[in-house]
Amino acid sequence: MNAALTEVETSDVQATVLRPRPKPYRGEYVVLRIDDAEQGKEMLRRLLPHVAPADEWWVPSLPGWLGIAFTFEGLKALGVPQASLDSFPVEFKQGMAARAAILHDFGANAPTHWEHPFGTPDVHVALAIYAKNDADLQRVLELARKSHHDLPRISVVYRMRFGELPEGRNPFGFKDGLHNPHVEGSGPAHAGSEESIKAGEFILGYPDERGETANAPIPLELRRNGAFVAFRKFHMDVAAFRRYLRSHAPTPDEEELIAAKMVGPLAQRRPVGARAGS
């Protein structure tokens, strides 16, 4: 690959791959099932103009941001040729439910306990929709709805609303999103960013940290500027987390150290006193 291609083509990469969420944010995940390839393709033709590219993530005129992802079953439902389907990595083709033992999803976390439709062949397309407020979120959701409202062979099988918690923290009390690294060639690094990560670690078609460039899936158009994502839903048991810390640390400071090692940077967690009465 020549040096000119080390700059990421951000106009062809989804914003949700490279850019942080807006702050504050409201959002919703929408999962779709495709039962007719032609209707699926028509839905995509309508949706694609609304998918936010990484180079326009901060355009003020946008009411919100939409990202789209496909499962292996979804690509099959869209009629992707078999040669291309065969070229995908085995992890993607098998899916997480089939790899539960490898991922340590057993016991209470086994696929049999997953919320429907996770782990089933019904998950074909996932939409991630973000906005700065509920009104704008509804505007983008309506755009998504219109993409398939007259296509009876496209069905919504799952929806989940989400949003930023106070102070931008996750339920365990840590600042959300601090783990997002800066991808080399994707634009200026944000203040406080660590050393940039090679684009190929996240985006297909670019060299990774070992200087290697992915050559699958095929053809090139199917992988160029694409990325693999994991779509999982976790239950965060805050009370159990705090009980664990208190049972394994003799002092509040030791609790914070263990928590930081498990979840995130020590300096970005609430002061210990903020947990009183929990």
Protein backbone atom coordinates (compact mmCIF):
# COMPACT_ATOMS: atom_id res chain seq x y z
CA MET A 1 0.00 0.00 0.00
CA ASN A 2 1.41 3.38 -0.94
CA ALA A 3 1.90 6.22 1.50
CA ALA A 4 -0.99 8.24 0.06
CA LEU A 5 -3.48 5.69 1.38
CA THR A 6 -2.37 6.05 5.00
CA GLU A 7 -4.82 8.97 5.26
CA VAL A 8 -8.17 7.49 6.14
CA GLU A 9 -10.98 8.18 3.69
CA THR A 10 -13.21 9.57 6.41
CA SER A 11 -15.98 10.47 3.96
CA ASP A 12 -16.38 6.72 3.29
CA VAL A 13 -16.16 5.57 6.93
CA GLN A 14 -19.15 5.64 9.25
CA ALA A 15 -18.92 8.28 11.94
CA THR A 16 -19.79 5.75 14.64
CA VAL A 17 -16.54 3.90 13.83
CA LEU A 18 -14.18 6.86 14.28
CA ARG A 19 -15.89 9.63 16.21
CA PRO A 20 -17.02 9.94 19.82
CA ARG A 21 -20.70 10.26 20.60
CA PRO A 22 -22.14 13.78 20.89
CA LYS A 23 -22.32 15.16 24.42
CA PRO A 24 -24.81 14.94 25.89
CA TYR A 25 -26.44 12.21 23.86
CA ARG A 26 -29.70 10.34 23.52
CA GLY A 27 -29.97 7.27 21.36
CA GLU A 28 -31.74 4.12 20.28
CA TYR A 29 -30.69 0.80 18.79
CA VAL A 30 -33.04 -0.68 16.21
CA VAL A 31 -32.60 -4.26 14.95
CA LEU A 32 -34.22 -5.35 11.69
CA ARG A 33 -34.92 -8.66 10.01
CA ILE A 34 -34.95 -9.00 6.21
CA ASP A 35 -37.25 -11.61 4.67
CA ASP A 36 -36.95 -10.44 1.08
CA ALA A 37 -33.61 -9.50 -0.52
CA GLU A 38 -35.07 -6.95 -2.95
CA GLN A 39 -36.97 -5.16 -0.20
CA GLY A 40 -33.81 -5.23 1.91
CA LYS A 41 -31.85 -3.57 -0.87
CA GLU A 42 -34.54 -0.95 -1.32
CA MET A 43 -34.46 -0.17 2.40
CA LEU A 44 -30.69 0.31 2.19
CA ARG A 45 -31.01 2.63 -0.80
CA ARG A 46 -33.29 4.83 1.30
CA LEU A 47 -31.18 4.62 4.46
CA LEU A 48 -27.68 5.18 3.09
CA PRO A 49 -28.08 8.96 2.45
CA HIS A 50 -28.75 9.36 6.18
CA VAL A 51 -25.75 7.36 7.44
CA ALA A 52 -23.33 9.84 8.99
CA PRO A 53 -19.78 9.78 7.55
CA ALA A 54 -16.83 10.48 9.83
CA ASP A 55 -15.89 13.69 8.02
CA GLU A 56 -19.29 15.28 8.79
CA TRP A 57 -19.73 14.14 12.36
CA TRP A 58 -19.92 17.66 13.73
CA VAL A 59 -22.04 19.30 11.02
CA PRO A 60 -24.48 21.51 13.01
CA SER A 61 -27.35 21.06 10.53
CA LEU A 62 -27.63 17.33 11.22
CA PRO A 63 -30.43 16.51 13.70
CA GLY A 64 -28.64 13.31 14.70
CA TRP A 65 -26.36 10.54 13.55
CA LEU A 66 -27.18 7.14 12.17
CA GLY A 67 -24.88 4.14 11.89
CA ILE A 68 -25.61 0.78 10.30
CA ALA A 69 -24.15 -2.71 10.74
CA PHE A 70 -24.88 -6.10 9.20
CA THR A 71 -24.62 -9.58 10.62
CA PHE A 72 -23.53 -12.58 8.57
CA GLU A 73 -27.16 -13.71 8.47
CA GLY A 74 -28.12 -10.25 7.29
CA LEU A 75 -25.65 -10.35 4.41
CA LYS A 76 -27.08 -13.72 3.39
CA ALA A 77 -30.60 -12.29 3.56
CA LEU A 78 -29.51 -9.46 1.24
CA GLY A 79 -28.26 -11.95 -1.34
CA VAL A 80 -24.52 -11.35 -1.05
CA PRO A 81 -22.78 -13.90 -3.36
CA GLN A 82 -21.60 -17.12 -1.74
CA ALA A 83 -17.95 -16.53 -2.69
CA SER A 84 -18.01 -13.28 -0.71
CA LEU A 85 -19.82 -14.88 2.23
CA ASP A 86 -17.22 -17.65 2.36
CA SER A 87 -14.40 -15.08 2.52
CA PHE A 88 -15.47 -13.59 5.87
CA PRO A 89 -13.59 -14.54 9.05
CA VAL A 90 -14.91 -17.60 10.85
CA GLU A 91 -15.67 -15.55 13.99
CA PHE A 92 -18.07 -13.37 12.01
CA LYS A 93 -19.68 -16.30 10.20
CA GLN A 94 -20.27 -18.31 13.38
CA GLY A 95 -21.55 -15.47 15.55
CA MET A 96 -21.21 -15.01 19.30
CA ALA A 97 -23.76 -17.59 20.40
CA ALA A 98 -21.91 -20.39 18.60
CA ARG A 99 -18.66 -19.23 20.21
CA ALA A 100 -20.08 -18.88 23.73
CA ALA A 101 -17.56 -21.28 25.31
CA ILE A 102 -14.64 -19.35 23.83
CA LEU A 103 -16.11 -16.04 25.01
CA HIS A 104 -16.87 -17.47 28.49
CA ASP A 105 -20.60 -16.94 28.00
CA PHE A 106 -21.74 -19.82 30.18
CA GLY A 107 -23.91 -20.31 33.26
CA ALA A 108 -26.10 -17.26 33.82
CA ASN A 109 -24.46 -15.65 30.77
CA ALA A 110 -25.15 -18.54 28.38
CA PRO A 111 -26.97 -17.74 25.11
CA THR A 112 -30.09 -19.51 26.40
CA HIS A 113 -30.45 -16.64 28.88
CA TRP A 114 -29.88 -13.87 26.34
CA GLU A 115 -32.66 -11.43 25.62
CA HIS A 116 -34.39 -12.20 22.31
CA PRO A 117 -33.36 -11.82 19.49
CA PHE A 118 -29.68 -11.81 20.51
CA GLY A 119 -27.94 -15.03 19.53
CA THR A 120 -30.63 -15.97 16.99
CA PRO A 121 -30.64 -15.85 13.16
CA ASP A 122 -33.27 -13.07 13.33
CA VAL A 123 -30.71 -10.28 13.79
CA HIS A 124 -29.86 -9.00 10.30
CA VAL A 125 -29.35 -5.22 10.44
CA ALA A 126 -28.57 -3.05 13.45
CA LEU A 127 -29.09 0.70 13.42
CA ALA A 128 -27.36 2.89 16.01
CA ILE A 129 -29.02 6.30 16.22
CA TYR A 130 -27.62 9.19 18.26
CA ALA A 131 -28.86 12.72 18.88
CA LYS A 132 -28.31 15.52 21.37
CA ASN A 133 -31.88 15.52 22.65
CA ASP A 134 -35.10 13.51 22.48
CA ALA A 135 -36.73 15.73 19.84
CA ASP A 136 -33.83 15.29 17.40
CA LEU A 137 -33.72 11.59 18.18
CA GLN A 138 -37.34 11.26 17.11
CA ARG A 139 -36.56 13.04 13.84
CA VAL A 140 -33.83 10.55 12.94
CA LEU A 141 -35.95 7.60 14.09
CA GLU A 142 -38.67 8.77 11.74
CA LEU A 143 -36.18 8.81 8.85
CA ALA A 144 -35.26 5.24 9.73
CA ARG A 145 -38.91 4.21 9.95
CA LYS A 146 -39.70 5.71 6.54
CA SER A 147 -36.96 3.60 4.98
CA HIS A 148 -39.08 0.47 5.43
CA HIS A 149 -42.63 1.57 6.35
CA ASP A 150 -44.06 0.27 3.04
CA LEU A 151 -41.82 -2.80 2.83
CA PRO A 152 -43.78 -5.57 4.59
CA ARG A 153 -40.93 -8.10 4.40
CA ILE A 154 -38.74 -5.88 6.61
CA SER A 155 -39.55 -6.14 10.31
CA VAL A 156 -38.31 -4.52 13.50
CA VAL A 157 -37.34 -7.26 15.95
CA TYR A 158 -35.74 -5.21 18.73
CA ARG A 159 -35.47 -1.65 20.02
CA MET A 160 -33.56 -0.24 22.96
CA ARG A 161 -33.42 3.39 24.09
CA PHE A 162 -30.27 4.66 25.81
CA GLY A 163 -28.67 7.91 26.88
CA GLU A 164 -25.81 9.53 28.72
CA LEU A 165 -25.95 9.41 32.51
CA PRO A 166 -25.26 12.52 34.65
CA GLU A 167 -21.68 13.82 34.37
CA GLY A 168 -21.09 11.44 31.47
CA ARG A 169 -20.41 8.48 33.75
CA ASN A 170 -21.32 4.83 33.35
CA PRO A 171 -23.30 2.99 36.08
CA PHE A 172 -20.05 1.99 37.83
CA GLY A 173 -19.15 5.67 38.24
CA PHE A 174 -16.46 5.96 35.57
CA LYS A 175 -16.25 8.51 32.80
CA ASP A 176 -17.71 7.02 29.63
CA GLY A 177 -15.74 6.87 26.39
CA LEU A 178 -12.22 7.48 27.72
CA HIS A 179 -11.06 4.26 26.11
CA ASN A 180 -11.59 5.57 22.56
CA PRO A 181 -8.12 5.76 20.95
CA HIS A 182 -7.13 8.11 18.17
CA VAL A 183 -6.89 6.37 14.81
CA GLU A 184 -3.90 7.42 12.72
CA GLY A 185 -4.82 9.38 9.62
CA SER A 186 -8.39 10.07 10.74
CA GLY A 187 -7.89 13.74 11.63
CA PRO A 188 -6.46 15.76 14.52
CA ALA A 189 -6.13 13.96 17.83
CA HIS A 190 -8.26 15.17 20.73
CA ALA A 191 -6.61 16.75 23.74
CA GLY A 192 -5.24 14.11 26.06
CA SER A 193 -5.21 11.38 23.42
CA GLU A 194 -2.57 8.70 23.76
CA GLU A 195 -0.31 7.64 20.90
CA SER A 196 -2.27 7.04 17.70
CA ILE A 197 -3.25 3.51 16.68
CA LYS A 198 -2.70 2.34 13.10
CA ALA A 199 -5.90 2.58 11.07
CA GLY A 200 -5.82 -1.10 10.10
CA GLU A 201 -6.49 -2.10 13.70
CA PHE A 202 -10.02 -0.75 13.28
CA ILE A 203 -10.71 -0.15 9.58
CA LEU A 204 -10.27 -2.62 6.75
CA GLY A 205 -8.03 -1.60 3.87
CA TYR A 206 -5.22 0.04 5.87
CA PRO A 207 -2.00 -1.27 7.47
CA ASP A 208 -2.27 -2.42 11.08
CA GLU A 209 0.37 -2.24 13.82
CA ARG A 210 2.29 -5.11 12.16
CA GLY A 211 2.21 -3.44 8.76
CA GLU A 212 -0.31 -5.96 7.42
CA THR A 213 -3.45 -5.09 5.47
CA ALA A 214 -6.56 -7.28 5.52
CA ASN A 215 -7.27 -9.03 2.22
CA ALA A 216 -10.72 -10.33 3.13
CA PRO A 217 -13.63 -10.27 2.67
CA ILE A 218 -13.79 -10.15 -1.11
CA PRO A 219 -14.22 -8.22 -3.31
CA LEU A 220 -12.28 -5.12 -2.24
CA GLU A 221 -15.42 -2.98 -2.34
CA LEU A 222 -16.95 -5.11 0.40
CA ARG A 223 -14.18 -4.42 2.89
CA ARG A 224 -12.64 -1.07 1.97
CA ASN A 225 -13.28 1.41 4.80
CA GLY A 226 -15.43 -1.12 6.64
CA ALA A 227 -15.07 -2.38 10.20
CA PHE A 228 -16.18 -5.27 12.38
CA VAL A 229 -18.13 -4.49 15.55
CA ALA A 230 -19.52 -6.52 18.42
CA PHE A 231 -23.14 -5.86 19.33
CA ARG A 232 -23.71 -7.11 22.88
CA LYS A 233 -26.03 -6.17 25.70
CA PHE A 234 -24.61 -6.31 29.22
CA HIS A 235 -26.28 -6.23 32.61
CA MET A 236 -24.22 -4.04 34.93
CA ASP A 237 -24.80 -5.14 38.54
CA VAL A 238 -23.61 -2.07 40.42
CA ALA A 239 -24.46 -3.42 43.87
CA ALA A 240 -22.51 -6.64 43.25
CA PHE A 241 -19.59 -4.61 41.90
CA ARG A 242 -19.44 -2.51 45.06
CA ARG A 243 -19.82 -5.54 47.33
CA TYR A 244 -16.92 -7.19 45.52
CA LEU A 245 -14.71 -4.15 46.02
CA ARG A 246 -15.50 -3.91 49.72
CA SER A 247 -14.87 -7.61 50.31
CA HIS A 248 -11.46 -7.54 48.58
CA ALA A 249 -9.99 -4.27 49.82
CA PRO A 250 -9.18 -3.14 53.39
CA THR A 251 -9.52 0.60 52.69
CA PRO A 252 -11.53 2.90 50.41
CA ASP A 253 -8.34 3.79 48.53
CA GLU A 254 -7.68 0.12 47.84
CA GLU A 255 -11.26 -0.23 46.61
CA GLU A 256 -10.65 2.56 44.13
CA LEU A 257 -7.44 0.96 42.93
CA ILE A 258 -9.15 -2.38 42.28
CA ALA A 259 -12.06 -0.62 40.56
CA ALA A 260 -9.69 1.32 38.33
CA LYS A 261 -7.89 -1.86 37.30
CA MET A 262 -11.20 -3.53 36.46
CA VAL A 263 -13.04 -0.68 34.74
CA GLY A 264 -11.03 2.45 34.06
CA PRO A 265 -8.63 5.20 35.08
CA LEU A 266 -8.54 5.89 38.81
CA ALA A 267 -8.54 9.65 38.30
CA GLN A 268 -11.79 9.56 36.35
CA ARG A 269 -13.93 7.94 39.01
CA ARG A 270 -16.18 9.69 41.50
CA PRO A 271 -14.66 10.55 44.86
CA VAL A 272 -15.03 7.71 47.33
CA GLY A 273 -17.41 9.70 49.48
CA ALA A 274 -19.88 9.94 46.60
CA ARG A 275 -20.74 6.28 47.14
CA ALA A 276 -21.93 6.70 50.74
CA GLY A 277 -25.24 5.06 51.43
CA SER A 278 -25.05 2.73 48.44
